[in-house]
Amino acid sequence: MLIICVVSTIISDMDEKYIHEEHTVHHILYHIIFCPKRRKKVLAGPVHDRLEQIAREVTQENDWQIVELAIQPDHVQSLHPGQSLYPAD
């Protein structure tokens, strides 16, 4: 089993957060969009509140982060930070 441990620091520059690792610098954000069938406007009222609660619970259970979560009546958009696919040497 190979275990890779990378020490990284996050530096804020002009409202952007770049992750500086041993040989790489990156700022990866995954933009995830979810739409109900035929973009039907069902994500309002109690459904909106429950969906937001579920999203927060799942991210907390999996130790993920949400940069931004926008729930509209016909779609959901979320931004999640990502890690570099290429580990440091």
Protein backbone atom coordinates (compact mmCIF):
# COMPACT_ATOMS: atom_id res chain seq x y z
CA MET A 1 0.00 0.00 0.00
CA LEU A 2 1.35 3.40 -1.00
CA ILE A 3 0.45 6.33 1.21
CA ILE A 4 1.24 9.81 -0.06
CA CYS A 5 1.22 12.71 2.35
CA VAL A 6 1.43 16.17 0.84
CA VAL A 7 1.73 19.23 3.00
CA SER A 8 -0.03 22.14 1.35
CA THR A 9 -0.63 25.74 2.23
CA ILE A 10 -3.46 27.87 0.98
CA ILE A 11 -2.52 31.41 0.06
CA SER A 12 -5.17 34.04 -0.59
CA ASP A 13 -4.38 36.37 -3.46
CA MET A 14 -6.95 38.72 -5.01
CA ASP A 15 -9.88 36.75 -3.51
CA GLU A 16 -8.61 33.51 -5.10
CA LYS A 17 -7.31 30.59 -3.04
CA TYR A 18 -4.44 28.74 -4.64
CA ILE A 19 -3.12 25.53 -3.14
CA HIS A 20 0.67 25.42 -3.19
CA GLU A 21 2.16 21.94 -2.96
CA GLU A 22 5.72 20.75 -3.36
CA HIS A 23 5.82 20.97 -7.17
CA THR A 24 2.38 22.26 -8.13
CA VAL A 25 0.08 25.24 -7.66
CA HIS A 26 -3.61 24.74 -8.38
CA HIS A 27 -7.09 26.13 -7.85
CA ILE A 28 -9.54 23.45 -8.91
CA LEU A 29 -13.29 23.92 -8.54
CA TYR A 30 -15.89 21.40 -9.64
CA HIS A 31 -19.11 23.04 -10.88
CA ILE A 32 -21.95 20.55 -10.43
CA ILE A 33 -25.41 21.23 -11.88
CA PHE A 34 -28.48 19.15 -11.13
CA CYS A 35 -31.80 19.62 -12.95
CA PRO A 36 -35.06 17.81 -12.27
CA LYS A 37 -36.72 16.10 -15.22
CA ARG A 38 -37.80 18.69 -17.81
CA ARG A 39 -36.52 21.41 -15.44
CA LYS A 40 -39.80 21.22 -13.58
CA LYS A 41 -39.92 23.88 -10.82
CA VAL A 42 -40.17 21.55 -7.82
CA LEU A 43 -37.21 22.74 -5.73
CA ALA A 44 -39.09 25.43 -3.80
CA GLY A 45 -40.48 25.78 -0.28
CA PRO A 46 -39.91 22.80 2.03
CA VAL A 47 -38.20 20.82 -0.75
CA HIS A 48 -35.59 23.62 -1.06
CA ASP A 49 -34.94 23.59 2.70
CA ARG A 50 -34.69 19.80 2.90
CA LEU A 51 -32.39 19.60 -0.13
CA GLU A 52 -30.05 22.19 1.39
CA GLN A 53 -30.04 20.28 4.69
CA ILE A 54 -29.23 16.99 2.92
CA ALA A 55 -26.42 18.61 0.91
CA ARG A 56 -24.86 20.06 4.08
CA GLU A 57 -25.15 16.71 5.93
CA VAL A 58 -23.57 14.71 3.10
CA THR A 59 -20.66 17.12 2.72
CA GLN A 60 -20.07 17.10 6.48
CA GLU A 61 -20.19 13.27 6.67
CA ASN A 62 -17.67 12.91 3.83
CA ASP A 63 -15.46 15.81 4.99
CA TRP A 64 -16.07 17.71 1.76
CA GLN A 65 -16.43 21.45 1.32
CA ILE A 66 -19.01 23.54 -0.48
CA VAL A 67 -17.70 26.83 -1.84
CA GLU A 68 -21.14 27.85 -3.03
CA LEU A 69 -24.57 26.23 -3.15
CA ALA A 70 -27.40 27.83 -5.14
CA ILE A 71 -30.79 26.13 -5.17
CA GLN A 72 -33.19 27.56 -7.73
CA PRO A 73 -36.75 26.26 -8.32
CA ASP A 74 -35.65 24.42 -11.48
CA HIS A 75 -31.96 23.56 -10.83
CA VAL A 76 -29.17 23.30 -8.25
CA GLN A 77 -25.62 24.57 -8.74
CA SER A 78 -22.72 23.88 -6.43
CA LEU A 79 -19.00 24.58 -6.40
CA HIS A 80 -16.63 22.16 -4.68
CA PRO A 81 -12.86 22.47 -4.34
CA GLY A 82 -10.83 19.66 -5.87
CA GLN A 83 -7.42 18.15 -5.39
CA SER A 84 -4.67 17.86 -7.96
CA LEU A 85 -4.67 14.50 -9.72
CA TYR A 86 -0.88 14.49 -9.84
CA PRO A 87 0.66 13.99 -6.40
CA ALA A 88 3.96 15.65 -5.57
CA ASP A 89 7.10 13.59 -6.09
